[in-house]
Amino acid sequence: MKDLPLTEAEIELALSELPGWSHIGDRLEQTWTFDGHLQALAAATAVGFLNEQRDHHADLTINYNRLRVSTTTHSAGNKVSAKDTDLARAVGDLLALSVADFLE
């Protein structure tokens, strides 16, 4: 079954509940800054496990101490779907943890 893309209004409503996330093109994106490279790498690994659990895989980009998470739904025509807003919420909750939690 094909996923349905969200309307602009649905995306804007979802973003009101997703602090720090932006709608850029046909993707949801957020960038986090950490104290160093290992923290960014640990956070990316944690997000990778979350992606795998949800069977929905965001693009992850690490630039030294920054991690950018960008998500779109291929089965919705490379548009934003409920899968993306759900993943964004889960990633935001995960990364709200202390960076120290990623290194313990």
C-alpha atoms as a PDB file:
ATOM      1  CA  MET A   1       0.000   0.000   0.000  1.00  0.00           C
ATOM      2  CA  LYS A   2       1.325   3.415  -0.963  1.00  0.00           C
ATOM      3  CA  ASP A   3       1.761   6.021   1.767  1.00  0.00           C
ATOM      4  CA  LEU A   4      -0.097   9.285   1.278  1.00  0.00           C
ATOM      5  CA  PRO A   5       1.739  12.615   1.320  1.00  0.00           C
ATOM      6  CA  LEU A   6       0.599  15.151   3.888  1.00  0.00           C
ATOM      7  CA  THR A   7      -0.921  18.455   2.810  1.00  0.00           C
ATOM      8  CA  GLU A   8       0.893  21.718   3.565  1.00  0.00           C
ATOM      9  CA  ALA A   9      -1.619  22.395   6.355  1.00  0.00           C
ATOM     10  CA  GLU A  10      -1.000  18.962   7.876  1.00  0.00           C
ATOM     11  CA  ILE A  11       2.764  19.494   7.722  1.00  0.00           C
ATOM     12  CA  GLU A  12       2.494  22.942   9.343  1.00  0.00           C
ATOM     13  CA  LEU A  13       0.317  21.510  12.126  1.00  0.00           C
ATOM     14  CA  ALA A  14       2.808  18.702  12.728  1.00  0.00           C
ATOM     15  CA  LEU A  15       5.732  21.164  12.777  1.00  0.00           C
ATOM     16  CA  SER A  16       4.000  23.163  15.515  1.00  0.00           C
ATOM     17  CA  GLU A  17       4.547  20.082  17.698  1.00  0.00           C
ATOM     18  CA  LEU A  18       8.070  19.305  16.449  1.00  0.00           C
ATOM     19  CA  PRO A  19      10.461  21.886  17.941  1.00  0.00           C
ATOM     20  CA  GLY A  20      13.454  22.655  15.742  1.00  0.00           C
ATOM     21  CA  TRP A  21      12.234  20.762  12.668  1.00  0.00           C
ATOM     22  CA  SER A  22      11.834  22.522   9.314  1.00  0.00           C
ATOM     23  CA  HIS A  23      10.031  21.663   6.097  1.00  0.00           C
ATOM     24  CA  ILE A  24      12.640  22.088   3.380  1.00  0.00           C
ATOM     25  CA  GLY A  25      11.591  21.067  -0.102  1.00  0.00           C
ATOM     26  CA  ASP A  26       9.908  17.697   0.267  1.00  0.00           C
ATOM     27  CA  ARG A  27      11.701  16.772   3.498  1.00  0.00           C
ATOM     28  CA  LEU A  28      11.650  17.365   7.224  1.00  0.00           C
ATOM     29  CA  GLU A  29      15.060  18.358   8.599  1.00  0.00           C
ATOM     30  CA  GLN A  30      16.757  19.288  11.822  1.00  0.00           C
ATOM     31  CA  THR A  31      20.404  19.768  12.785  1.00  0.00           C
ATOM     32  CA  TRP A  32      21.826  19.155  16.251  1.00  0.00           C
ATOM     33  CA  THR A  33      25.188  20.426  17.509  1.00  0.00           C
ATOM     34  CA  PHE A  34      27.190  18.410  20.038  1.00  0.00           C
ATOM     35  CA  ASP A  35      30.364  19.045  22.056  1.00  0.00           C
ATOM     36  CA  GLY A  36      32.471  16.924  19.728  1.00  0.00           C
ATOM     37  CA  HIS A  37      32.638  14.414  16.915  1.00  0.00           C
ATOM     38  CA  LEU A  38      32.199  11.308  19.073  1.00  0.00           C
ATOM     39  CA  GLN A  39      28.960  12.645  20.548  1.00  0.00           C
ATOM     40  CA  ALA A  40      27.589  13.415  17.068  1.00  0.00           C
ATOM     41  CA  LEU A  41      28.619   9.953  15.891  1.00  0.00           C
ATOM     42  CA  ALA A  42      27.012   8.301  18.930  1.00  0.00           C
ATOM     43  CA  ALA A  43      23.804  10.251  18.350  1.00  0.00           C
ATOM     44  CA  ALA A  44      23.786   9.218  14.671  1.00  0.00           C
ATOM     45  CA  THR A  45      24.193   5.588  15.685  1.00  0.00           C
ATOM     46  CA  ALA A  46      21.279   5.863  18.122  1.00  0.00           C
ATOM     47  CA  VAL A  47      19.130   7.454  15.401  1.00  0.00           C
ATOM     48  CA  GLY A  48      20.186   4.672  13.036  1.00  0.00           C
ATOM     49  CA  PHE A  49      18.878   2.046  15.448  1.00  0.00           C
ATOM     50  CA  LEU A  50      15.630   4.003  15.807  1.00  0.00           C
ATOM     51  CA  ASN A  51      15.307   4.152  12.010  1.00  0.00           C
ATOM     52  CA  GLU A  52      15.815   0.406  11.788  1.00  0.00           C
ATOM     53  CA  GLN A  53      13.195  -0.286  14.494  1.00  0.00           C
ATOM     54  CA  ARG A  54      10.674   1.797  12.574  1.00  0.00           C
ATOM     55  CA  ASP A  55      11.683   0.504   9.121  1.00  0.00           C
ATOM     56  CA  HIS A  56      11.842   4.130   7.970  1.00  0.00           C
ATOM     57  CA  HIS A  57      15.326   5.421   7.268  1.00  0.00           C
ATOM     58  CA  ALA A  58      16.211   9.100   7.510  1.00  0.00           C
ATOM     59  CA  ASP A  59      19.309  10.501   5.834  1.00  0.00           C
ATOM     60  CA  LEU A  60      21.986  11.249   8.427  1.00  0.00           C
ATOM     61  CA  THR A  61      24.822  13.694   7.787  1.00  0.00           C
ATOM     62  CA  ILE A  62      27.671  14.234  10.237  1.00  0.00           C
ATOM     63  CA  ASN A  63      29.935  17.259   9.951  1.00  0.00           C
ATOM     64  CA  TYR A  64      32.371  17.034  12.862  1.00  0.00           C
ATOM     65  CA  ASN A  65      30.093  17.924  15.819  1.00  0.00           C
ATOM     66  CA  ARG A  66      26.833  18.402  13.899  1.00  0.00           C
ATOM     67  CA  LEU A  67      24.235  15.817  12.968  1.00  0.00           C
ATOM     68  CA  ARG A  68      21.591  16.615  10.355  1.00  0.00           C
ATOM     69  CA  VAL A  69      18.566  14.317  10.130  1.00  0.00           C
ATOM     70  CA  SER A  70      16.486  14.596   6.964  1.00  0.00           C
ATOM     71  CA  THR A  71      13.473  12.443   6.155  1.00  0.00           C
ATOM     72  CA  THR A  72      11.027  11.918   3.312  1.00  0.00           C
ATOM     73  CA  THR A  73       8.840   8.964   2.298  1.00  0.00           C
ATOM     74  CA  HIS A  74       9.769   7.291  -0.970  1.00  0.00           C
ATOM     75  CA  SER A  75       6.476   5.369  -1.149  1.00  0.00           C
ATOM     76  CA  ALA A  76       4.614   8.706  -0.938  1.00  0.00           C
ATOM     77  CA  GLY A  77       6.345  10.025  -4.049  1.00  0.00           C
ATOM     78  CA  ASN A  78       9.319  11.410  -2.080  1.00  0.00           C
ATOM     79  CA  LYS A  79       7.000  13.694  -0.123  1.00  0.00           C
ATOM     80  CA  VAL A  80       6.447  14.170   3.608  1.00  0.00           C
ATOM     81  CA  SER A  81       4.064  11.607   5.098  1.00  0.00           C
ATOM     82  CA  ALA A  82       2.907  10.643   8.581  1.00  0.00           C
ATOM     83  CA  LYS A  83       5.891   8.275   8.679  1.00  0.00           C
ATOM     84  CA  ASP A  84       8.177  11.320   8.595  1.00  0.00           C
ATOM     85  CA  THR A  85       6.366  13.287  11.283  1.00  0.00           C
ATOM     86  CA  ASP A  86       6.281  10.202  13.518  1.00  0.00           C
ATOM     87  CA  LEU A  87       9.986   9.586  12.951  1.00  0.00           C
ATOM     88  CA  ALA A  88      10.809  13.263  13.566  1.00  0.00           C
ATOM     89  CA  ARG A  89       8.955  13.122  16.887  1.00  0.00           C
ATOM     90  CA  ALA A  90      10.800   9.958  17.930  1.00  0.00           C
ATOM     91  CA  VAL A  91      14.199  11.352  16.875  1.00  0.00           C
ATOM     92  CA  GLY A  92      13.511  14.600  18.729  1.00  0.00           C
ATOM     93  CA  ASP A  93      12.573  12.688  21.876  1.00  0.00           C
ATOM     94  CA  LEU A  94      15.683  10.521  21.576  1.00  0.00           C
ATOM     95  CA  LEU A  95      18.074  13.417  21.032  1.00  0.00           C
ATOM     96  CA  ALA A  96      16.555  15.409  23.899  1.00  0.00           C
ATOM     97  CA  LEU A  97      18.470  13.027  26.159  1.00  0.00           C
ATOM     98  CA  SER A  98      21.756  14.175  27.559  1.00  0.00           C
ATOM     99  CA  VAL A  99      24.682  13.680  25.204  1.00  0.00           C
ATOM    100  CA  ALA A 100      26.390  11.830  28.056  1.00  0.00           C
ATOM    101  CA  ASP A 101      23.715   9.140  27.707  1.00  0.00           C
ATOM    102  CA  PHE A 102      25.059   8.375  24.238  1.00  0.00           C
ATOM    103  CA  LEU A 103      28.543   7.734  25.559  1.00  0.00           C
ATOM    104  CA  GLU A 104      27.792   5.620  28.647  1.00  0.00           C
END
